[in-house]
């Protein structure tokens, strides 16, 4: 924050253990000023994950692995966004 970054990405993957938990975003979110754009990165797998992060105040998500594991990526994107498949 001291650098004045207006866009803040929170990586939910521990790069030492490779463990992924969305709790990382929830824990760090409280320390980020409201005028910043917050991106939660990694570990987003379900619509419930998206809704929970949205309700917590996250502005955007970065989804990678859970899409790459899907046969029908478009269908998975629609599922995450809560739109018709």
Protein backbone atom coordinates (compact mmCIF):
# COMPACT_ATOMS: atom_id res chain seq x y z
CA UNK A 1 0.00 0.00 0.00
CA UNK A 2 2.91 2.32 0.66
CA UNK A 3 3.74 2.29 -3.05
CA UNK A 4 0.28 3.64 -3.81
CA UNK A 5 -0.89 0.60 -5.77
CA UNK A 6 -4.53 0.93 -6.77
CA UNK A 7 -4.78 -2.71 -7.89
CA UNK A 8 -3.95 -5.36 -5.29
CA UNK A 9 -3.73 -9.07 -6.10
CA UNK A 10 -3.98 -11.59 -3.28
CA UNK A 11 -2.48 -14.97 -4.15
CA UNK A 12 -4.35 -17.68 -2.25
CA UNK A 13 -1.58 -20.20 -2.99
CA UNK A 14 1.19 -20.50 -0.41
CA UNK A 15 4.27 -20.60 -2.65
CA UNK A 16 6.26 -22.55 -0.04
CA UNK A 17 3.76 -25.39 0.44
CA UNK A 18 1.50 -24.88 -2.61
CA UNK A 19 -1.50 -25.14 -0.29
CA UNK A 20 -4.43 -23.06 -1.51
CA UNK A 21 -7.04 -21.46 0.74
CA UNK A 22 -9.46 -18.62 0.09
CA UNK A 23 -9.06 -17.70 3.74
CA UNK A 24 -5.90 -15.87 2.69
CA UNK A 25 -8.01 -13.32 0.81
CA UNK A 26 -10.46 -12.99 3.68
CA UNK A 27 -7.64 -12.46 6.18
CA UNK A 28 -5.79 -9.83 4.13
CA UNK A 29 -8.81 -7.97 2.77
CA UNK A 30 -9.33 -6.09 6.02
CA UNK A 31 -5.90 -4.46 5.65
CA UNK A 32 -6.57 -3.06 2.16
CA UNK A 33 -8.15 0.40 1.82
CA UNK A 34 -11.64 0.46 0.30
CA UNK A 35 -10.54 2.60 -2.66
CA UNK A 36 -8.27 -0.18 -4.01
CA UNK A 37 -9.31 -2.79 -6.58
CA UNK A 38 -8.77 -6.23 -5.04
CA UNK A 39 -8.21 -9.38 -7.12
CA UNK A 40 -8.42 -12.78 -5.43
CA UNK A 41 -6.08 -15.17 -7.22
CA UNK A 42 -6.10 -19.00 -7.18
CA UNK A 43 -8.36 -21.55 -5.54
CA UNK A 44 -11.64 -20.33 -7.01
CA UNK A 45 -13.49 -23.49 -8.04
CA UNK A 46 -17.22 -23.02 -7.51
CA UNK A 47 -20.01 -20.47 -7.79
CA UNK A 48 -20.16 -20.46 -3.99
CA UNK A 49 -16.49 -19.40 -3.90
CA UNK A 50 -17.24 -16.51 -6.25
CA UNK A 51 -20.28 -15.37 -4.26
CA UNK A 52 -18.41 -15.58 -0.95
CA UNK A 53 -15.51 -13.49 -2.28
CA UNK A 54 -17.93 -11.00 -3.83
CA UNK A 55 -19.80 -10.60 -0.53
CA UNK A 56 -16.48 -10.12 1.28
CA UNK A 57 -15.66 -7.15 -0.97
CA UNK A 58 -13.39 -8.63 -3.64
CA UNK A 59 -13.64 -6.76 -6.95
CA UNK A 60 -12.28 -9.39 -9.34
CA UNK A 61 -11.05 -12.97 -9.48
CA UNK A 62 -8.26 -14.73 -11.34
CA UNK A 63 -9.18 -18.31 -12.24
CA UNK A 64 -6.72 -20.64 -13.92
CA UNK A 65 -6.30 -24.22 -12.81
CA UNK A 66 -9.98 -24.96 -12.25
CA UNK A 67 -10.71 -23.84 -15.83
CA UNK A 68 -7.82 -25.77 -17.34
CA UNK A 69 -9.06 -28.98 -15.73
CA UNK A 70 -12.48 -28.66 -17.40
CA UNK A 71 -13.42 -30.29 -20.66
CA UNK A 72 -15.87 -27.46 -21.43
CA UNK A 73 -14.23 -24.23 -20.27
CA UNK A 74 -17.12 -22.05 -21.45
CA UNK A 75 -19.59 -24.04 -19.38
CA UNK A 76 -17.38 -23.71 -16.30
CA UNK A 77 -17.07 -19.94 -16.79
CA UNK A 78 -20.85 -19.67 -16.98
CA UNK A 79 -21.16 -21.78 -13.83
CA UNK A 80 -18.72 -19.53 -11.95
CA UNK A 81 -20.55 -16.41 -13.13
CA UNK A 82 -23.96 -17.87 -12.30
CA UNK A 83 -25.29 -17.60 -15.83
CA UNK A 84 -27.18 -20.23 -17.83
CA UNK A 85 -25.08 -23.05 -19.23
